[in-house]
Protein backbone atom coordinates (compact mmCIF):
# COMPACT_ATOMS: atom_id res chain seq x y z
CA MET A 1 -77.17 -36.98 -139.13
CA PRO A 2 -74.68 -38.23 -136.56
CA SER A 3 -75.64 -41.89 -135.65
CA LEU A 4 -77.47 -42.75 -132.24
CA ARG A 5 -73.64 -44.29 -131.27
CA LYS A 6 -71.85 -41.27 -131.89
CA LEU A 7 -74.26 -39.22 -129.77
CA SER A 8 -73.88 -42.10 -127.22
CA GLN A 9 -70.22 -41.66 -127.36
CA MET A 10 -70.23 -37.69 -127.01
CA SER A 11 -72.51 -37.69 -123.86
CA ALA A 12 -70.47 -40.09 -122.37
CA MET A 13 -67.16 -38.04 -123.00
CA ILE A 14 -69.41 -34.92 -121.60
CA TYR A 15 -70.38 -36.77 -118.63
CA SER A 16 -67.23 -38.13 -117.92
CA VAL A 17 -65.32 -34.61 -118.12
CA ARG A 18 -67.90 -33.12 -115.87
CA THR A 19 -67.55 -35.94 -113.12
CA ASP A 20 -63.66 -35.43 -113.38
CA ALA A 21 -64.38 -31.64 -112.70
CA GLN A 22 -66.63 -32.37 -109.93
CA ASN A 23 -64.05 -34.64 -108.49
CA SER A 24 -61.25 -32.25 -108.73
CA ILE A 25 -63.40 -29.76 -107.09
CA LEU A 26 -64.26 -31.92 -104.15
CA SER A 27 -60.51 -32.98 -103.91
CA HIS A 28 -59.29 -29.37 -103.69
CA HIS A 29 -62.08 -28.50 -100.97
CA GLU A 30 -60.97 -31.76 -98.94
CA LYS A 31 -57.25 -30.75 -99.26
CA ARG A 32 -58.11 -27.33 -98.07
CA ARG A 33 -60.40 -28.41 -95.30
CA THR A 34 -57.46 -30.87 -94.20
CA ARG A 35 -54.97 -27.71 -94.38
CA LEU A 36 -57.20 -25.39 -92.16
CA ALA A 37 -57.36 -28.38 -89.77
CA ASP A 38 -53.81 -28.51 -89.50
CA ASP A 39 -53.16 -25.18 -89.29
CA ALA A 40 -55.71 -24.77 -86.15
CA ALA A 41 -54.22 -27.63 -84.39
CA GLN A 42 -50.71 -25.84 -84.93
CA LEU A 43 -52.16 -22.65 -83.32
CA ALA A 44 -53.78 -24.96 -80.65
CA ALA A 45 -50.79 -26.55 -79.51
CA MET A 46 -49.39 -22.74 -79.21
CA GLY A 47 -52.11 -21.75 -76.93
CA HIS A 48 -54.28 -19.76 -79.48
CA LYS A 49 -57.77 -20.73 -80.76
CA GLN A 50 -58.01 -19.76 -84.63
CA GLN A 51 -60.83 -16.95 -84.97
CA LEU A 52 -60.11 -15.39 -88.07
CA GLN A 53 -61.34 -17.19 -91.64
CA ARG A 54 -58.74 -17.54 -93.87
CA ASN A 55 -60.34 -16.45 -97.40
CA PHE A 56 -57.05 -15.42 -99.57
CA SER A 57 -55.44 -17.77 -101.99
CA MET A 58 -51.98 -17.94 -103.07
CA ILE A 59 -52.79 -16.07 -105.94
CA SER A 60 -54.67 -13.62 -103.86
CA MET A 61 -51.76 -13.08 -101.57
CA LEU A 62 -49.52 -12.65 -104.08
CA GLY A 63 -51.49 -10.01 -105.68
CA LEU A 64 -51.85 -8.55 -102.34
CA ALA A 65 -48.00 -8.73 -101.69
CA LEU A 66 -47.09 -6.97 -105.28
CA ALA A 67 -49.98 -4.18 -104.61
CA ILE A 68 -48.17 -3.42 -101.12
CA ILE A 69 -45.06 -3.52 -102.17
CA ASN A 70 -45.52 -1.05 -105.15
CA THR A 71 -42.05 -1.67 -106.60
CA TRP A 72 -42.14 -0.67 -109.72
CA THR A 73 -44.76 2.25 -109.70
CA ALA A 74 -42.46 3.75 -106.66
CA LEU A 75 -39.20 3.31 -108.95
CA ALA A 76 -41.06 4.82 -111.87
CA ALA A 77 -42.02 8.04 -109.54
CA SER A 78 -38.68 8.33 -107.82
CA ILE A 79 -36.58 7.66 -110.85
CA THR A 80 -36.58 11.61 -111.67
CA LEU A 81 -34.49 11.94 -108.35
CA ALA A 82 -32.11 8.94 -108.92
CA LEU A 83 -31.06 9.72 -112.56
CA PRO A 84 -29.85 13.38 -111.71
CA SER A 85 -28.10 12.12 -108.73
CA GLY A 86 -26.18 9.03 -109.71
CA GLY A 87 -27.05 8.31 -113.57
CA SER A 88 -28.32 5.27 -114.85
CA SER A 89 -26.06 2.81 -112.60
CA SER A 90 -27.66 4.34 -109.51
CA VAL A 91 -30.86 3.33 -110.60
CA ILE A 92 -29.81 -0.22 -111.91
CA TRP A 93 -27.64 -1.13 -108.96
CA GLY A 94 -29.89 0.50 -106.13
CA LEU A 95 -32.96 -1.77 -107.31
CA VAL A 96 -30.44 -4.86 -106.95
CA GLY A 97 -29.31 -3.54 -103.88
CA ALA A 98 -32.80 -2.93 -102.64
CA GLY A 99 -33.86 -6.28 -104.13
CA ILE A 100 -31.22 -8.42 -102.10
CA CYS A 101 -31.94 -6.51 -98.81
CA ASN A 102 -35.57 -7.11 -99.15
CA LEU A 103 -35.15 -10.74 -99.81
CA CYS A 104 -33.09 -10.94 -96.57
CA LEU A 105 -35.62 -9.16 -94.73
CA ALA A 106 -38.52 -11.57 -96.58
CA ALA A 107 -36.07 -14.59 -95.24
CA LEU A 108 -36.23 -13.38 -91.85
CA LEU A 109 -39.92 -12.73 -91.42
CA ALA A 110 -40.52 -16.04 -93.02
CA GLU A 111 -38.51 -17.77 -90.33
CA PHE A 112 -40.45 -15.89 -87.70
CA LEU A 113 -43.85 -17.22 -89.54
CA SER A 114 -42.70 -20.61 -89.92
CA ALA A 115 -42.23 -20.80 -86.26
CA TYR A 116 -45.07 -18.64 -84.81
CA PRO A 117 -47.91 -18.88 -87.50
CA THR A 118 -50.12 -16.34 -86.09
CA ALA A 119 -52.42 -13.33 -87.21
CA GLY A 120 -50.57 -10.85 -85.18
CA GLY A 121 -47.24 -10.95 -87.44
CA GLN A 122 -44.50 -8.71 -86.23
CA TYR A 123 -45.83 -7.18 -82.99
CA HIS A 124 -46.67 -10.70 -81.89
CA TRP A 125 -43.01 -11.84 -82.90
CA ALA A 126 -41.70 -8.61 -81.31
CA ALA A 127 -43.62 -9.57 -77.68
CA ILE A 128 -42.17 -13.35 -77.94
CA ILE A 129 -38.32 -12.34 -78.51
CA SER A 130 -38.07 -9.22 -76.70
CA TRP A 131 -37.26 -8.78 -72.62
CA LYS A 132 -40.12 -9.88 -70.25
CA ARG A 133 -40.30 -6.49 -68.91
CA ALA A 134 -40.62 -4.44 -71.96
CA ASP A 135 -42.36 -7.07 -74.18
CA ARG A 136 -45.46 -5.01 -74.26
CA ALA A 137 -44.11 -1.44 -74.94
CA ILE A 138 -41.99 -3.07 -77.86
CA SER A 139 -45.06 -4.76 -79.35
CA TYR A 140 -46.91 -1.85 -79.12
CA VAL A 141 -44.61 0.25 -80.76
CA THR A 142 -44.30 -2.26 -83.39
CA GLY A 143 -47.60 -2.80 -84.02
CA TRP A 144 -48.17 1.05 -84.58
CA ILE A 145 -45.14 1.20 -86.99
CA ASN A 146 -46.94 -1.80 -88.99
CA VAL A 147 -50.05 0.14 -89.25
CA CYS A 148 -48.55 3.33 -90.16
CA GLY A 149 -46.44 1.25 -92.85
CA GLN A 150 -49.82 0.08 -94.39
CA VAL A 151 -51.54 3.34 -93.98
CA ALA A 152 -48.89 4.97 -95.86
CA PRO A 153 -49.17 3.09 -99.27
CA SER A 154 -53.26 4.00 -98.98
CA ALA A 155 -52.10 7.54 -99.66
CA THR A 156 -48.97 7.43 -101.74
CA GLY A 157 -50.62 5.01 -104.30
CA PRO A 158 -53.42 7.60 -105.27
CA LEU A 159 -50.90 10.23 -105.07
CA LEU A 160 -48.52 8.44 -107.80
CA GLY A 161 -51.42 7.89 -109.91
CA SER A 162 -52.99 11.29 -110.13
CA THR A 163 -49.32 12.66 -110.80
CA PHE A 164 -48.86 10.42 -113.68
CA VAL A 165 -52.08 11.69 -115.10
CA VAL A 166 -51.51 15.25 -114.80
CA ASP A 167 -47.55 14.38 -116.19
CA ILE A 168 -49.31 12.92 -119.44
CA ILE A 169 -51.65 15.44 -119.69
CA SER A 170 -49.14 18.10 -119.78
CA LEU A 171 -46.75 16.08 -122.02
CA PHE A 172 -49.59 15.72 -125.01
CA ASN A 173 -50.95 19.13 -124.30
CA HIS A 174 -48.29 21.65 -124.10
CA SER A 175 -50.71 24.42 -123.56
CA TYR A 176 -52.03 22.74 -120.29
CA ASP A 177 -51.12 25.05 -117.12
CA ALA A 178 -51.07 22.17 -114.12
CA ARG A 179 -52.39 23.65 -110.99
CA PRO A 180 -52.02 21.85 -107.47
CA TRP A 181 -56.23 21.75 -107.44
CA HIS A 182 -56.34 19.60 -110.61
CA GLN A 183 -54.21 16.88 -109.20
CA PHE A 184 -56.58 16.88 -106.22
CA PRO A 185 -59.98 15.46 -107.75
CA ILE A 186 -57.58 12.84 -109.58
CA TYR A 187 -56.34 11.88 -106.53
CA VAL A 188 -59.45 11.51 -104.73
CA GLY A 189 -60.97 9.75 -107.56
CA PHE A 190 -58.03 7.23 -107.35
CA ALA A 191 -58.74 7.10 -103.55
CA LEU A 192 -62.53 6.27 -104.14
CA VAL A 193 -62.02 3.57 -106.81
CA ALA A 194 -59.50 1.67 -104.63
CA LEU A 195 -61.94 1.93 -101.87
CA ALA A 196 -64.86 0.51 -104.05
CA ILE A 197 -62.71 -2.38 -105.01
CA ASN A 198 -61.18 -3.26 -101.69
CA ALA A 199 -64.73 -2.72 -99.74
CA PHE A 200 -67.18 -4.62 -102.44
CA LEU A 201 -65.22 -6.43 -105.30
CA LEU A 202 -62.53 -8.19 -103.43
CA PRO A 203 -64.57 -10.01 -101.30
CA ASN A 204 -66.14 -11.56 -104.51
CA PHE A 205 -62.58 -12.93 -105.41
CA THR A 206 -61.40 -14.42 -102.16
CA LEU A 207 -61.90 -18.14 -101.46
CA ARG A 208 -64.38 -19.12 -98.84
CA ARG A 209 -63.89 -21.72 -95.92
CA PRO A 210 -65.31 -24.89 -97.44
CA SER A 211 -68.64 -25.86 -95.21
CA SER A 212 -67.95 -29.15 -93.00
CA GLY A 213 -71.03 -30.58 -94.30
CA PRO A 214 -71.40 -32.83 -96.83
C-alpha cells in the first residue's frame, strides 16, 4: 500500500499538471483574443468593420488549402496524359515548373493580403488597384472567376475519386465491363460525403471566437 506521503505527492503533481494545462488554455485564448482585436483595429483603420467570425485555425487553413489545390490527386489523374506526351521527364519537370509558378502567385497574393487583409480577397484587391472608371466591372469579373474556380473543384474531386474506384475495380476484376452509368452513383456518393463533412462535421473542428467574459 502506498504511503500517505506518496499519495499526497501524486495528488500535488496531478493538480500542478492540471493547473498548467488550464493556464496554457487561458493564455492561448488571451493571445487569440488580442490577435482578433488587433485585426479588428487594422480593419477599422482601413474603413471597414469586422463582421465575420474567424473560425479557422492555422491547421484548418492548411488543410483547406491542400484540399482546394488538390495537387497530387490532379497529378495522378492527369499522369496518363503527361506520360505518353513527354515521358517521365515532362511529369517531373512539369511539376517543378508548376510549383515555382504557383509559389510566385502565392507570394503576390501574400503581398496583397498583408496590405489589405479583408475577406473579399481578389475581387476587393482588383477594385483597389484598378482604374476608377472600371473598378466595379473588374471587381465583378474577378469575383465571378474566383467563384467558378471554387465551384469547379467541387465537381472535379468526386469525378477523380469515382474514376479511381472504377479503375481499381477493372484492375482486379478483368471480367468487369465498366459502363458510364456505373461511375455516376459513385460520383454522387463522393459528392454527398463531401457535403456531409463540410455542412455537419467541419463546424465541430473549427475554432470558436472566445467569449469576452471571464
